[in-house]
Amino acid sequence: MAKASSPAPAAPPSFEAALTELEGMVTSMEGGQLTLEASLAAYKRGAELLKYCRSVLDDAQQQIRILEGDTLRDFPGADDAE
């Protein structure tokens, strides 16, 4: 018998909120205290959060390309040795 599917979790309110949730999930999973079912659910949610974060970062990179005229430049001092 198939389980009733639960509604998909809402998208996080921000990139930072997604990272915080993802970090908490990783900590829980690394602790080894989750059941197999909870681990699978956390993994699925983590994949969704990762996809969301990548999308936000891709959008930000595209905006930077537009602002920079499609010429990405290194930040001053980025290659300086310490």
Protein backbone atom coordinates (compact mmCIF):
# COMPACT_ATOMS: atom_id res chain seq x y z
CA MET A 1 0.00 0.00 0.00
CA ALA A 2 1.46 3.38 -1.00
CA LYS A 3 1.83 6.12 1.54
CA ALA A 4 0.00 9.37 0.98
CA SER A 5 2.45 11.90 -0.33
CA SER A 6 3.06 14.85 1.91
CA PRO A 7 3.08 18.33 0.43
CA ALA A 8 6.46 19.54 -0.75
CA PRO A 9 8.24 21.79 1.75
CA ALA A 10 8.13 25.45 0.89
CA ALA A 11 11.14 27.14 -0.61
CA PRO A 12 13.31 28.80 2.04
CA PRO A 13 12.75 32.52 2.55
CA SER A 14 16.37 33.32 1.69
CA PHE A 15 19.71 31.88 0.64
CA GLU A 16 20.99 32.27 4.19
CA ALA A 17 17.98 30.43 5.62
CA ALA A 18 18.56 27.58 3.16
CA LEU A 19 22.22 27.32 4.18
CA THR A 20 21.31 27.32 7.87
CA GLU A 21 18.73 24.57 7.35
CA LEU A 22 21.17 22.56 5.24
CA GLU A 23 23.95 22.87 7.83
CA GLY A 24 21.57 21.69 10.57
CA MET A 25 20.53 18.70 8.50
CA VAL A 26 24.14 17.73 7.81
CA THR A 27 24.91 17.92 11.53
CA SER A 28 21.92 15.70 12.33
CA MET A 29 22.85 13.18 9.67
CA GLU A 30 26.50 13.09 10.74
CA GLY A 31 25.38 12.47 14.32
CA GLY A 32 24.01 9.11 13.22
CA GLN A 33 20.89 9.38 15.36
CA LEU A 34 18.34 9.55 12.53
CA THR A 35 16.32 6.55 11.45
CA LEU A 36 16.71 5.32 7.90
CA GLU A 37 13.43 6.95 6.90
CA ALA A 38 14.40 10.25 8.53
CA SER A 39 17.82 10.09 6.87
CA LEU A 40 16.25 9.58 3.45
CA ALA A 41 13.85 12.46 4.03
CA ALA A 42 16.72 14.68 5.18
CA TYR A 43 18.77 13.69 2.14
CA LYS A 44 15.86 14.53 -0.17
CA ARG A 45 15.30 17.90 1.52
CA GLY A 46 19.05 18.56 1.41
CA ALA A 47 19.08 17.93 -2.34
CA GLU A 48 16.19 20.39 -2.74
CA LEU A 49 18.02 23.00 -0.67
CA LEU A 50 21.21 22.47 -2.66
CA LYS A 51 19.31 22.96 -5.90
CA TYR A 52 17.76 26.15 -4.51
CA CYS A 53 21.15 27.50 -3.36
CA ARG A 54 22.78 26.74 -6.70
CA SER A 55 19.95 28.51 -8.48
CA VAL A 56 20.34 31.60 -6.30
CA LEU A 57 24.12 31.61 -6.85
CA ASP A 58 23.68 31.15 -10.62
CA ASP A 59 21.26 34.09 -10.68
CA ALA A 60 23.71 36.24 -8.72
CA GLN A 61 26.55 35.28 -11.06
CA GLN A 62 24.40 36.18 -14.07
CA GLN A 63 23.60 39.57 -12.56
CA ILE A 64 27.31 40.18 -11.98
CA ARG A 65 28.08 39.24 -15.59
CA ILE A 66 25.50 41.74 -16.78
CA LEU A 67 26.84 44.47 -14.51
CA GLU A 68 30.43 43.73 -15.54
CA GLY A 69 29.59 43.63 -19.22
CA ASP A 70 30.17 39.85 -19.39
CA THR A 71 33.79 40.34 -18.36
CA LEU A 72 34.52 38.64 -15.06
CA ARG A 73 37.51 40.14 -13.29
CA ASP A 74 39.55 39.01 -10.33
CA PHE A 75 39.18 41.00 -7.16
CA PRO A 76 42.25 43.12 -6.40
CA GLY A 77 44.56 41.17 -4.15
CA ALA A 78 42.78 37.86 -4.75
CA ASP A 79 45.97 36.21 -6.02
CA ASP A 80 48.33 37.91 -3.55
CA ALA A 81 50.33 35.48 -1.41
CA GLU A 82 50.09 35.98 2.32
